[in-house]
Amino acid sequence: MNAYQELLCRVTDVRGIRAAMLVSEEDGLVVAESLSEGVDGAAVAALAASLTLRIRRSAASAGHSAPAVVQMRAERGALLTLQAGDGLLVVAIADREANLGLARLELRVAASRLHA
């Protein structure tokens, strides 16, 4: 297991987190992943990168700073993204019962360790 996967496994160890990925912010390609069965990592990565970019542009257009964490909730869960520097996003897919606070914390830990 490489260092990226170790960081992602910490995220997926959080109850209710089905997947964690490092994604290229620019093109939405997966750099590293830790996925549960049935998760289409490539599709989620592309969506996460695109939506995060649009949200950041919208915030800038409104005169606001870029959000630290983007969290999108749906009926059956949530998608969380956090900028990790060097053009990467840390992305997590959570089910309805996930501890999102702990997931955000682990995303921050993963992002900070990528800078180290």
N, C-alpha and C. Protein backbone atom coordinates (compact mmCIF):
# COMPACT_ATOMS: atom_id res chain seq x y z
N MET A 1 0.85 -1.18 0.00
CA MET A 1 0.00 0.00 0.00
C MET A 1 0.90 1.24 0.00
N ASN A 2 0.62 2.18 -0.90
CA ASN A 2 1.44 3.38 -0.95
C ASN A 2 0.92 4.44 0.03
N ALA A 3 1.64 5.54 0.15
CA ALA A 3 1.30 6.58 1.12
C ALA A 3 -0.07 7.20 0.85
N TYR A 4 -0.40 7.40 -0.44
CA TYR A 4 -1.71 7.95 -0.78
C TYR A 4 -2.82 7.03 -0.28
N GLN A 5 -2.67 5.76 -0.53
CA GLN A 5 -3.72 4.82 -0.14
C GLN A 5 -3.86 4.71 1.37
N GLU A 6 -2.75 4.86 2.09
CA GLU A 6 -2.82 4.86 3.55
C GLU A 6 -3.66 6.04 4.04
N LEU A 7 -3.46 7.22 3.44
CA LEU A 7 -4.26 8.39 3.81
C LEU A 7 -5.73 8.17 3.51
N LEU A 8 -6.01 7.59 2.34
CA LEU A 8 -7.40 7.36 1.94
C LEU A 8 -8.07 6.31 2.82
N CYS A 9 -7.32 5.32 3.25
CA CYS A 9 -7.89 4.29 4.13
C CYS A 9 -8.31 4.88 5.47
N ARG A 10 -7.59 5.89 5.94
CA ARG A 10 -8.01 6.56 7.18
C ARG A 10 -9.38 7.21 7.00
N VAL A 11 -9.60 7.75 5.82
CA VAL A 11 -10.90 8.38 5.53
C VAL A 11 -11.98 7.31 5.45
N THR A 12 -11.72 6.23 4.73
CA THR A 12 -12.75 5.19 4.57
C THR A 12 -12.96 4.38 5.85
N ASP A 13 -12.07 4.52 6.82
CA ASP A 13 -12.29 3.88 8.12
C ASP A 13 -13.38 4.57 8.93
N VAL A 14 -13.74 5.79 8.54
CA VAL A 14 -14.83 6.50 9.22
C VAL A 14 -16.14 5.80 8.89
N ARG A 15 -16.93 5.55 9.91
CA ARG A 15 -18.22 4.87 9.73
C ARG A 15 -19.06 5.58 8.67
N GLY A 16 -19.52 4.83 7.69
CA GLY A 16 -20.41 5.36 6.66
C GLY A 16 -19.72 5.94 5.44
N ILE A 17 -18.40 5.97 5.41
CA ILE A 17 -17.69 6.47 4.23
C ILE A 17 -17.46 5.30 3.28
N ARG A 18 -18.03 5.39 2.09
CA ARG A 18 -17.98 4.31 1.11
C ARG A 18 -16.78 4.40 0.19
N ALA A 19 -16.22 5.59 0.05
CA ALA A 19 -15.10 5.76 -0.88
C ALA A 19 -14.34 7.03 -0.54
N ALA A 20 -13.05 7.00 -0.85
CA ALA A 20 -12.21 8.19 -0.73
C ALA A 20 -11.25 8.18 -1.92
N MET A 21 -10.98 9.35 -2.46
CA MET A 21 -10.12 9.45 -3.63
C MET A 21 -9.29 10.72 -3.59
N LEU A 22 -8.16 10.66 -4.25
CA LEU A 22 -7.40 11.86 -4.60
C LEU A 22 -7.69 12.09 -6.07
N VAL A 23 -8.11 13.30 -6.38
CA VAL A 23 -8.58 13.62 -7.73
C VAL A 23 -7.86 14.86 -8.23
N SER A 24 -7.47 14.83 -9.49
CA SER A 24 -6.89 16.01 -10.13
C SER A 24 -7.97 17.06 -10.28
N GLU A 25 -7.70 18.24 -9.72
CA GLU A 25 -8.68 19.33 -9.77
C GLU A 25 -8.93 19.79 -11.20
N GLU A 26 -7.91 19.79 -12.00
CA GLU A 26 -7.99 20.33 -13.35
C GLU A 26 -8.84 19.48 -14.28
N ASP A 27 -8.64 18.16 -14.27
CA ASP A 27 -9.32 17.32 -15.25
C ASP A 27 -10.20 16.23 -14.65
N GLY A 28 -10.28 16.14 -13.32
CA GLY A 28 -11.17 15.17 -12.68
C GLY A 28 -10.71 13.73 -12.77
N LEU A 29 -9.43 13.52 -13.04
CA LEU A 29 -8.91 12.15 -13.11
C LEU A 29 -8.51 11.66 -11.72
N VAL A 30 -8.70 10.36 -11.49
CA VAL A 30 -8.37 9.75 -10.21
C VAL A 30 -6.86 9.55 -10.12
N VAL A 31 -6.26 10.02 -9.04
CA VAL A 31 -4.84 9.83 -8.78
C VAL A 31 -4.64 8.61 -7.89
N ALA A 32 -5.51 8.46 -6.88
CA ALA A 32 -5.49 7.30 -5.98
C ALA A 32 -6.91 7.13 -5.45
N GLU A 33 -7.24 5.89 -5.06
CA GLU A 33 -8.61 5.63 -4.61
C GLU A 33 -8.66 4.49 -3.61
N SER A 34 -9.69 4.56 -2.77
CA SER A 34 -10.05 3.49 -1.85
C SER A 34 -11.57 3.40 -1.94
N LEU A 35 -12.08 2.43 -2.72
CA LEU A 35 -13.51 2.38 -3.05
C LEU A 35 -14.17 1.12 -2.53
N SER A 36 -15.43 1.26 -2.13
CA SER A 36 -16.25 0.10 -1.85
C SER A 36 -16.74 -0.48 -3.16
N GLU A 37 -17.14 -1.71 -3.14
CA GLU A 37 -17.68 -2.35 -4.34
C GLU A 37 -18.91 -1.59 -4.83
N GLY A 38 -18.97 -1.42 -6.13
CA GLY A 38 -20.12 -0.76 -6.74
C GLY A 38 -19.98 0.74 -6.92
N VAL A 39 -18.88 1.33 -6.46
CA VAL A 39 -18.67 2.77 -6.62
C VAL A 39 -17.87 3.00 -7.89
N ASP A 40 -18.40 3.84 -8.78
CA ASP A 40 -17.72 4.19 -10.03
C ASP A 40 -16.82 5.40 -9.75
N GLY A 41 -15.59 5.13 -9.39
CA GLY A 41 -14.66 6.18 -8.99
C GLY A 41 -14.43 7.22 -10.06
N ALA A 42 -14.30 6.81 -11.31
CA ALA A 42 -14.03 7.76 -12.39
C ALA A 42 -15.18 8.75 -12.56
N ALA A 43 -16.40 8.27 -12.50
CA ALA A 43 -17.56 9.14 -12.65
C ALA A 43 -17.68 10.11 -11.48
N VAL A 44 -17.48 9.61 -10.27
CA VAL A 44 -17.56 10.46 -9.09
C VAL A 44 -16.45 11.50 -9.10
N ALA A 45 -15.26 11.10 -9.49
CA ALA A 45 -14.12 12.03 -9.54
C ALA A 45 -14.40 13.18 -10.51
N ALA A 46 -14.90 12.85 -11.68
CA ALA A 46 -15.20 13.88 -12.67
C ALA A 46 -16.28 14.84 -12.16
N LEU A 47 -17.32 14.29 -11.55
CA LEU A 47 -18.39 15.12 -11.00
C LEU A 47 -17.87 16.00 -9.87
N ALA A 48 -17.11 15.42 -8.96
CA ALA A 48 -16.59 16.17 -7.82
C ALA A 48 -15.71 17.33 -8.27
N ALA A 49 -14.82 17.09 -9.21
CA ALA A 49 -13.92 18.14 -9.69
C ALA A 49 -14.71 19.25 -10.39
N SER A 50 -15.65 18.87 -11.22
CA SER A 50 -16.45 19.85 -11.95
C SER A 50 -17.30 20.71 -11.01
N LEU A 51 -18.00 20.07 -10.09
CA LEU A 51 -18.85 20.82 -9.17
C LEU A 51 -18.04 21.70 -8.23
N THR A 52 -16.92 21.20 -7.76
CA THR A 52 -16.08 21.99 -6.86
C THR A 52 -15.56 23.24 -7.58
N LEU A 53 -15.11 23.07 -8.81
CA LEU A 53 -14.63 24.20 -9.60
C LEU A 53 -15.74 25.23 -9.80
N ARG A 54 -16.93 24.76 -10.14
CA ARG A 54 -18.06 25.69 -10.37
C ARG A 54 -18.45 26.42 -9.08
N ILE A 55 -18.44 25.73 -7.97
CA ILE A 55 -18.78 26.36 -6.69
C ILE A 55 -17.73 27.41 -6.34
N ARG A 56 -16.47 27.11 -6.56
CA ARG A 56 -15.41 28.08 -6.26
C ARG A 56 -15.52 29.31 -7.16
N ARG A 57 -15.82 29.09 -8.43
CA ARG A 57 -16.00 30.22 -9.35
C ARG A 57 -17.20 31.07 -8.95
N SER A 58 -18.27 30.42 -8.56
CA SER A 58 -19.47 31.14 -8.13
C SER A 58 -19.19 31.97 -6.88
N ALA A 59 -18.46 31.39 -5.93
CA ALA A 59 -18.11 32.11 -4.72
C ALA A 59 -17.26 33.34 -5.06
N ALA A 60 -16.28 33.16 -5.95
CA ALA A 60 -15.43 34.28 -6.35
C ALA A 60 -16.24 35.37 -7.05
N SER A 61 -17.20 34.97 -7.89
CA SER A 61 -18.04 35.94 -8.59
C SER A 61 -18.90 36.74 -7.62
N ALA A 62 -19.24 36.12 -6.50
CA ALA A 62 -20.05 36.79 -5.49
C ALA A 62 -19.19 37.58 -4.50
N GLY A 63 -17.87 37.56 -4.72
CA GLY A 63 -16.97 38.30 -3.84
C GLY A 63 -16.61 37.57 -2.56
N HIS A 64 -16.83 36.26 -2.53
CA HIS A 64 -16.51 35.45 -1.35
C HIS A 64 -15.25 34.64 -1.60
N SER A 65 -14.64 34.22 -0.50
CA SER A 65 -13.47 33.35 -0.65
C SER A 65 -13.94 31.93 -0.99
N ALA A 66 -13.03 31.14 -1.50
CA ALA A 66 -13.36 29.76 -1.86
C ALA A 66 -13.67 28.96 -0.60
N PRO A 67 -14.68 28.11 -0.65
CA PRO A 67 -14.99 27.29 0.53
C PRO A 67 -13.86 26.30 0.81
N ALA A 68 -13.60 26.07 2.09
CA ALA A 68 -12.56 25.10 2.47
C ALA A 68 -13.02 23.69 2.14
N VAL A 69 -14.28 23.41 2.45
CA VAL A 69 -14.85 22.08 2.19
C VAL A 69 -16.13 22.29 1.42
N VAL A 70 -16.31 21.49 0.38
CA VAL A 70 -17.58 21.49 -0.35
C VAL A 70 -18.31 20.21 0.04
N GLN A 71 -19.52 20.38 0.53
CA GLN A 71 -20.32 19.23 0.96
C GLN A 71 -21.66 19.29 0.26
N MET A 72 -21.95 18.25 -0.51
CA MET A 72 -23.21 18.18 -1.24
C MET A 72 -24.02 17.01 -0.69
N ARG A 73 -25.20 17.30 -0.18
CA ARG A 73 -26.04 16.26 0.39
C ARG A 73 -27.11 15.84 -0.61
N ALA A 74 -27.41 14.56 -0.57
CA ALA A 74 -28.47 13.99 -1.40
C ALA A 74 -29.32 13.09 -0.50
N GLU A 75 -30.35 12.52 -1.07
CA GLU A 75 -31.27 11.69 -0.30
C GLU A 75 -30.56 10.51 0.38
N ARG A 76 -29.61 9.91 -0.32
CA ARG A 76 -28.97 8.70 0.22
C ARG A 76 -27.54 8.90 0.72
N GLY A 77 -27.09 10.15 0.79
CA GLY A 77 -25.74 10.36 1.29
C GLY A 77 -25.19 11.72 0.93
N ALA A 78 -23.88 11.81 0.91
CA ALA A 78 -23.22 13.10 0.65
C ALA A 78 -21.91 12.87 -0.10
N LEU A 79 -21.48 13.93 -0.76
CA LEU A 79 -20.20 13.98 -1.44
C LEU A 79 -19.44 15.14 -0.81
N LEU A 80 -18.22 14.89 -0.36
CA LEU A 80 -17.40 15.92 0.26
C LEU A 80 -16.11 16.07 -0.52
N THR A 81 -15.67 17.31 -0.71
CA THR A 81 -14.39 17.56 -1.37
C THR A 81 -13.63 18.60 -0.56
N LEU A 82 -12.32 18.47 -0.60
CA LEU A 82 -11.45 19.42 0.09
C LEU A 82 -10.19 19.59 -0.75
N GLN A 83 -9.80 20.83 -0.97
CA GLN A 83 -8.61 21.09 -1.77
C GLN A 83 -7.38 20.67 -0.97
N ALA A 84 -6.51 19.91 -1.62
CA ALA A 84 -5.33 19.37 -0.94
C ALA A 84 -4.04 20.01 -1.44
N GLY A 85 -4.12 21.04 -2.25
CA GLY A 85 -2.93 21.66 -2.79
C GLY A 85 -2.38 20.86 -3.96
N ASP A 86 -1.42 21.45 -4.65
CA ASP A 86 -0.79 20.81 -5.80
C ASP A 86 -1.81 20.33 -6.83
N GLY A 87 -2.94 21.03 -6.93
CA GLY A 87 -3.94 20.68 -7.93
C GLY A 87 -4.73 19.43 -7.62
N LEU A 88 -4.78 19.02 -6.33
CA LEU A 88 -5.51 17.81 -5.96
C LEU A 88 -6.68 18.13 -5.04
N LEU A 89 -7.70 17.30 -5.15
CA LEU A 89 -8.84 17.30 -4.23
C LEU A 89 -8.84 15.98 -3.49
N VAL A 90 -9.22 16.03 -2.22
CA VAL A 90 -9.52 14.80 -1.49
C VAL A 90 -11.04 14.71 -1.50
N VAL A 91 -11.57 13.59 -1.96
CA VAL A 91 -13.01 13.41 -2.15
C VAL A 91 -13.47 12.21 -1.33
N ALA A 92 -14.65 12.35 -0.71
CA ALA A 92 -15.24 11.23 0.03
C ALA A 92 -16.71 11.10 -0.35
N ILE A 93 -17.16 9.85 -0.43
CA ILE A 93 -18.57 9.54 -0.65
C ILE A 93 -19.10 8.94 0.65
N ALA A 94 -20.15 9.53 1.16
CA ALA A 94 -20.70 9.10 2.45
C ALA A 94 -22.14 8.61 2.28
N ASP A 95 -22.50 7.61 3.07
CA ASP A 95 -23.90 7.22 3.08
C ASP A 95 -24.65 8.07 4.11
N ARG A 96 -25.95 7.85 4.24
CA ARG A 96 -26.80 8.68 5.11
C ARG A 96 -26.37 8.66 6.56
N GLU A 97 -25.86 7.54 7.04
CA GLU A 97 -25.52 7.40 8.44
C GLU A 97 -24.09 7.80 8.77
N ALA A 98 -23.36 8.30 7.82
CA ALA A 98 -21.95 8.63 8.03
C ALA A 98 -21.78 9.76 9.04
N ASN A 99 -20.69 9.70 9.76
CA ASN A 99 -20.30 10.76 10.67
C ASN A 99 -19.55 11.80 9.83
N LEU A 100 -20.28 12.79 9.32
CA LEU A 100 -19.69 13.76 8.39
C LEU A 100 -18.67 14.67 9.06
N GLY A 101 -18.86 14.97 10.32
CA GLY A 101 -17.88 15.78 11.04
C GLY A 101 -16.53 15.09 11.10
N LEU A 102 -16.54 13.81 11.47
CA LEU A 102 -15.30 13.05 11.53
C LEU A 102 -14.71 12.86 10.13
N ALA A 103 -15.58 12.69 9.14
CA ALA A 103 -15.10 12.56 7.75
C ALA A 103 -14.39 13.83 7.31
N ARG A 104 -14.97 15.00 7.61
CA ARG A 104 -14.32 16.27 7.25
C ARG A 104 -12.96 16.39 7.95
N LEU A 105 -12.90 15.99 9.21
CA LEU A 105 -11.64 16.03 9.95
C LEU A 105 -10.58 15.15 9.27
N GLU A 106 -10.95 13.93 8.90
CA GLU A 106 -10.00 13.03 8.23
C GLU A 106 -9.61 13.54 6.85
N LEU A 107 -10.52 14.21 6.16
CA LEU A 107 -10.16 14.82 4.88
C LEU A 107 -9.11 15.90 5.10
N ARG A 108 -9.28 16.70 6.15
CA ARG A 108 -8.30 17.75 6.47
C ARG A 108 -6.93 17.14 6.82
N VAL A 109 -6.95 16.06 7.60
CA VAL A 109 -5.70 15.39 7.95
C VAL A 109 -5.01 14.88 6.68
N ALA A 110 -5.77 14.25 5.81
CA ALA A 110 -5.19 13.73 4.56
C ALA A 110 -4.60 14.85 3.73
N ALA A 111 -5.34 15.96 3.60
CA ALA A 111 -4.85 17.10 2.81
C ALA A 111 -3.58 17.69 3.42
N SER A 112 -3.55 17.81 4.74
CA SER A 112 -2.36 18.40 5.38
C SER A 112 -1.14 17.48 5.23
N ARG A 113 -1.34 16.18 5.26
CA ARG A 113 -0.22 15.24 5.12
C ARG A 113 0.29 15.19 3.68
N LEU A 114 -0.53 15.55 2.74
CA LEU A 114 -0.06 15.61 1.35
C LEU A 114 0.92 16.76 1.17
N HIS A 115 0.77 17.81 1.97
CA HIS A 115 1.67 18.97 1.90
C HIS A 115 2.99 18.71 2.58
N ALA A 116 3.01 17.77 3.52
CA ALA A 116 4.22 17.52 4.32
C ALA A 116 5.30 16.83 3.53
